N, C-alpha and C. Protein backbone atom coordinates (compact mmCIF):
# COMPACT_ATOMS: atom_id res chain seq x y z
N MET A 1 36.48 -8.01 5.24
CA MET A 1 35.67 -9.36 4.43
C MET A 1 35.05 -10.53 5.12
N ALA A 2 35.26 -10.16 6.30
CA ALA A 2 34.62 -11.54 7.28
C ALA A 2 33.31 -10.92 7.43
N ALA A 3 32.79 -10.05 7.51
CA ALA A 3 31.43 -9.52 8.00
C ALA A 3 30.32 -9.62 6.86
N PHE A 4 31.01 -9.91 5.34
CA PHE A 4 30.19 -10.27 4.39
C PHE A 4 29.86 -11.66 3.95
N ARG A 5 30.55 -12.73 4.23
CA ARG A 5 30.27 -14.17 4.36
C ARG A 5 29.00 -14.62 4.03
N ASN A 6 28.01 -13.94 5.38
CA ASN A 6 26.75 -14.41 5.40
C ASN A 6 25.96 -13.55 4.75
N ALA A 7 26.31 -12.56 4.04
CA ALA A 7 25.42 -11.68 3.28
C ALA A 7 24.88 -12.27 2.11
N ARG A 8 23.59 -11.72 1.54
CA ARG A 8 23.10 -12.06 0.80
C ARG A 8 23.09 -11.15 -0.10
N PHE A 9 23.75 -11.48 -1.78
CA PHE A 9 24.01 -10.49 -2.62
C PHE A 9 22.50 -10.55 -3.69
N LEU A 10 22.19 -9.28 -3.92
CA LEU A 10 21.02 -8.74 -5.15
C LEU A 10 21.43 -9.22 -6.26
N SER A 11 20.86 -9.65 -7.12
CA SER A 11 20.43 -9.96 -8.44
C SER A 11 20.81 -9.03 -9.23
N THR A 12 21.82 -8.71 -10.18
CA THR A 12 21.82 -7.75 -11.24
C THR A 12 21.46 -8.52 -13.07
N GLU A 13 20.95 -9.30 -12.67
CA GLU A 13 20.64 -9.90 -14.11
C GLU A 13 19.15 -9.43 -14.50
N PHE A 14 19.07 -8.78 -15.52
CA PHE A 14 17.77 -8.13 -16.06
C PHE A 14 17.16 -9.18 -16.79
N ASN A 15 17.25 -10.71 -17.12
CA ASN A 15 16.53 -11.23 -17.65
C ASN A 15 15.42 -12.27 -16.97
N LYS A 16 15.69 -11.41 -15.73
CA LYS A 16 14.53 -12.37 -14.74
C LYS A 16 13.36 -12.05 -14.72
N THR A 17 13.23 -10.91 -15.43
CA THR A 17 11.83 -10.04 -15.04
C THR A 17 11.10 -9.81 -16.63
N ASP A 18 11.70 -10.81 -17.62
CA ASP A 18 11.39 -10.54 -19.11
C ASP A 18 9.71 -10.86 -19.01
N GLU A 19 8.99 -11.73 -18.65
CA GLU A 19 7.74 -12.02 -18.61
C GLU A 19 7.04 -10.79 -17.65
N PRO A 20 5.90 -10.60 -18.12
CA PRO A 20 4.90 -9.52 -17.57
C PRO A 20 4.48 -10.48 -16.42
N PHE A 21 3.74 -9.70 -15.03
CA PHE A 21 3.66 -10.46 -14.17
C PHE A 21 1.68 -10.24 -14.46
N ARG A 22 1.28 -11.66 -14.34
CA ARG A 22 -0.24 -11.61 -14.13
C ARG A 22 -1.06 -11.17 -12.87
N VAL A 23 -2.00 -10.55 -13.17
CA VAL A 23 -2.61 -10.24 -11.99
C VAL A 23 -4.00 -10.65 -12.69
N GLU A 24 -4.44 -11.24 -11.59
CA GLU A 24 -5.95 -11.51 -11.47
C GLU A 24 -7.31 -10.88 -10.52
N GLU A 25 -8.05 -10.49 -11.07
CA GLU A 25 -9.36 -10.17 -10.16
C GLU A 25 -9.55 -11.05 -8.81
N ALA A 26 -9.56 -10.32 -7.81
CA ALA A 26 -10.06 -11.35 -6.45
C ALA A 26 -11.64 -11.76 -6.65
N GLU A 27 -12.14 -12.69 -6.18
CA GLU A 27 -13.45 -13.22 -5.88
C GLU A 27 -13.84 -12.52 -5.14
N THR A 28 -15.11 -11.74 -5.28
CA THR A 28 -16.03 -11.47 -4.20
C THR A 28 -16.79 -12.18 -3.59
N ILE A 29 -16.65 -12.19 -2.57
CA ILE A 29 -17.39 -13.17 -1.20
C ILE A 29 -18.62 -12.09 -0.81
N ASN A 30 -19.43 -12.91 -0.32
CA ASN A 30 -20.74 -12.36 0.78
C ASN A 30 -20.40 -12.81 2.29
N MET A 31 -19.99 -11.96 2.94
CA MET A 31 -19.72 -11.89 4.41
C MET A 31 -21.14 -11.69 5.32
N PRO A 32 -21.60 -12.66 6.33
CA PRO A 32 -22.66 -11.95 7.13
C PRO A 32 -22.02 -10.90 7.98
N PRO A 33 -22.97 -10.03 8.24
CA PRO A 33 -22.67 -8.73 9.08
C PRO A 33 -21.99 -9.31 10.55
N LEU A 34 -20.64 -8.39 10.87
CA LEU A 34 -20.69 -9.07 12.32
C LEU A 34 -21.48 -8.47 13.36
N PRO A 35 -21.62 -9.37 14.29
CA PRO A 35 -22.57 -9.26 15.48
C PRO A 35 -22.20 -8.06 16.24
N THR A 36 -23.38 -7.45 16.76
CA THR A 36 -23.37 -6.47 17.45
C THR A 36 -23.81 -6.45 19.01
N GLU A 37 -24.25 -7.74 19.18
CA GLU A 37 -24.25 -8.28 20.60
C GLU A 37 -23.45 -8.96 20.94
N LYS A 38 -22.97 -8.56 22.68
CA LYS A 38 -21.51 -8.92 22.84
C LYS A 38 -22.01 -9.59 24.36
N LEU A 39 -21.38 -10.68 24.55
CA LEU A 39 -21.54 -11.30 25.85
C LEU A 39 -19.91 -11.93 26.46
N LEU A 40 -20.49 -11.47 27.96
CA LEU A 40 -19.12 -11.49 28.49
C LEU A 40 -19.38 -12.73 29.65
N VAL A 41 -18.79 -13.91 29.47
CA VAL A 41 -18.89 -15.17 30.16
C VAL A 41 -17.97 -15.30 31.23
N LEU A 42 -18.48 -14.65 32.42
CA LEU A 42 -17.37 -15.37 33.68
C LEU A 42 -17.35 -16.69 33.77
N GLY A 43 -16.02 -17.25 33.95
CA GLY A 43 -15.66 -18.67 34.20
C GLY A 43 -16.04 -19.43 32.69
N GLY A 44 -15.84 -18.68 31.81
CA GLY A 44 -16.16 -19.90 30.51
C GLY A 44 -15.45 -20.79 29.62
N ASN A 45 -14.08 -21.13 30.90
CA ASN A 45 -13.69 -22.15 31.00
C ASN A 45 -13.99 -23.62 31.75
N GLY A 46 -14.94 -23.08 32.30
CA GLY A 46 -15.28 -24.44 33.42
C GLY A 46 -16.69 -24.99 32.37
N PHE A 47 -17.67 -26.18 32.98
CA PHE A 47 -18.31 -26.91 32.56
C PHE A 47 -19.61 -26.15 32.03
N VAL A 48 -19.99 -25.38 32.53
CA VAL A 48 -21.19 -24.71 32.68
C VAL A 48 -20.91 -23.38 31.71
N GLY A 49 -20.00 -22.88 31.65
CA GLY A 49 -19.34 -21.29 31.05
C GLY A 49 -19.24 -22.05 29.80
N SER A 50 -18.49 -22.90 29.50
CA SER A 50 -17.99 -23.39 28.08
C SER A 50 -19.09 -23.59 27.15
N HIS A 51 -20.19 -24.39 27.85
CA HIS A 51 -21.65 -24.42 27.40
C HIS A 51 -22.74 -23.36 26.86
N VAL A 52 -22.44 -22.11 27.56
CA VAL A 52 -23.18 -21.16 27.49
C VAL A 52 -21.99 -20.18 26.60
N CYS A 53 -20.90 -20.45 26.34
CA CYS A 53 -20.22 -19.64 25.14
C CYS A 53 -20.45 -20.65 23.93
N LYS A 54 -20.77 -21.73 24.08
CA LYS A 54 -20.85 -22.10 22.58
C LYS A 54 -22.38 -21.98 22.01
N GLU A 55 -23.34 -21.98 23.15
CA GLU A 55 -24.65 -21.70 22.92
C GLU A 55 -24.49 -20.32 22.42
N ALA A 56 -24.20 -19.27 22.79
CA ALA A 56 -24.04 -17.84 22.84
C ALA A 56 -23.33 -17.78 21.38
N LEU A 57 -22.54 -18.32 20.64
CA LEU A 57 -21.65 -18.37 19.33
C LEU A 57 -22.60 -18.85 18.33
N ASP A 58 -23.10 -20.01 18.52
CA ASP A 58 -24.35 -20.70 17.71
C ASP A 58 -25.48 -19.48 17.63
N LEU A 59 -25.81 -18.48 18.25
CA LEU A 59 -26.78 -17.60 18.30
C LEU A 59 -26.65 -16.52 17.63
N GLY A 60 -25.00 -16.44 17.24
CA GLY A 60 -24.44 -14.94 16.59
C GLY A 60 -23.90 -14.04 17.60
N LEU A 61 -23.59 -14.36 18.74
CA LEU A 61 -23.45 -13.34 19.52
C LEU A 61 -21.60 -13.23 19.70
N SER A 62 -21.28 -12.22 19.98
CA SER A 62 -19.74 -12.15 19.97
C SER A 62 -19.41 -12.35 21.48
N VAL A 63 -18.65 -13.14 21.63
CA VAL A 63 -18.57 -13.92 23.29
C VAL A 63 -17.02 -13.43 23.83
N ALA A 64 -16.89 -13.41 24.77
CA ALA A 64 -15.36 -13.05 25.27
C ALA A 64 -15.84 -14.00 26.79
N SER A 65 -14.48 -14.54 26.73
CA SER A 65 -14.55 -15.20 28.50
C SER A 65 -13.51 -14.83 29.46
N LEU A 66 -13.82 -14.84 30.52
CA LEU A 66 -12.84 -14.35 31.88
C LEU A 66 -12.77 -15.50 32.99
N SER A 67 -11.89 -16.18 32.75
CA SER A 67 -11.91 -17.15 33.95
C SER A 67 -11.05 -16.71 34.90
């Protein structure tokens, strides 16, 4: 019996699901296409590299940084 002290017991009451579930349609959103051009910035954590990363992201490029 000691093994069951912290166990969670499932409810066997059937009256908890009397109301039907409400399902609403999700809203459609328009997303811009993913960038296809990629840029690898060596030293992206430095002063110049961080600015290069920011400019590239502003231009819509996919940026990866290796420091």
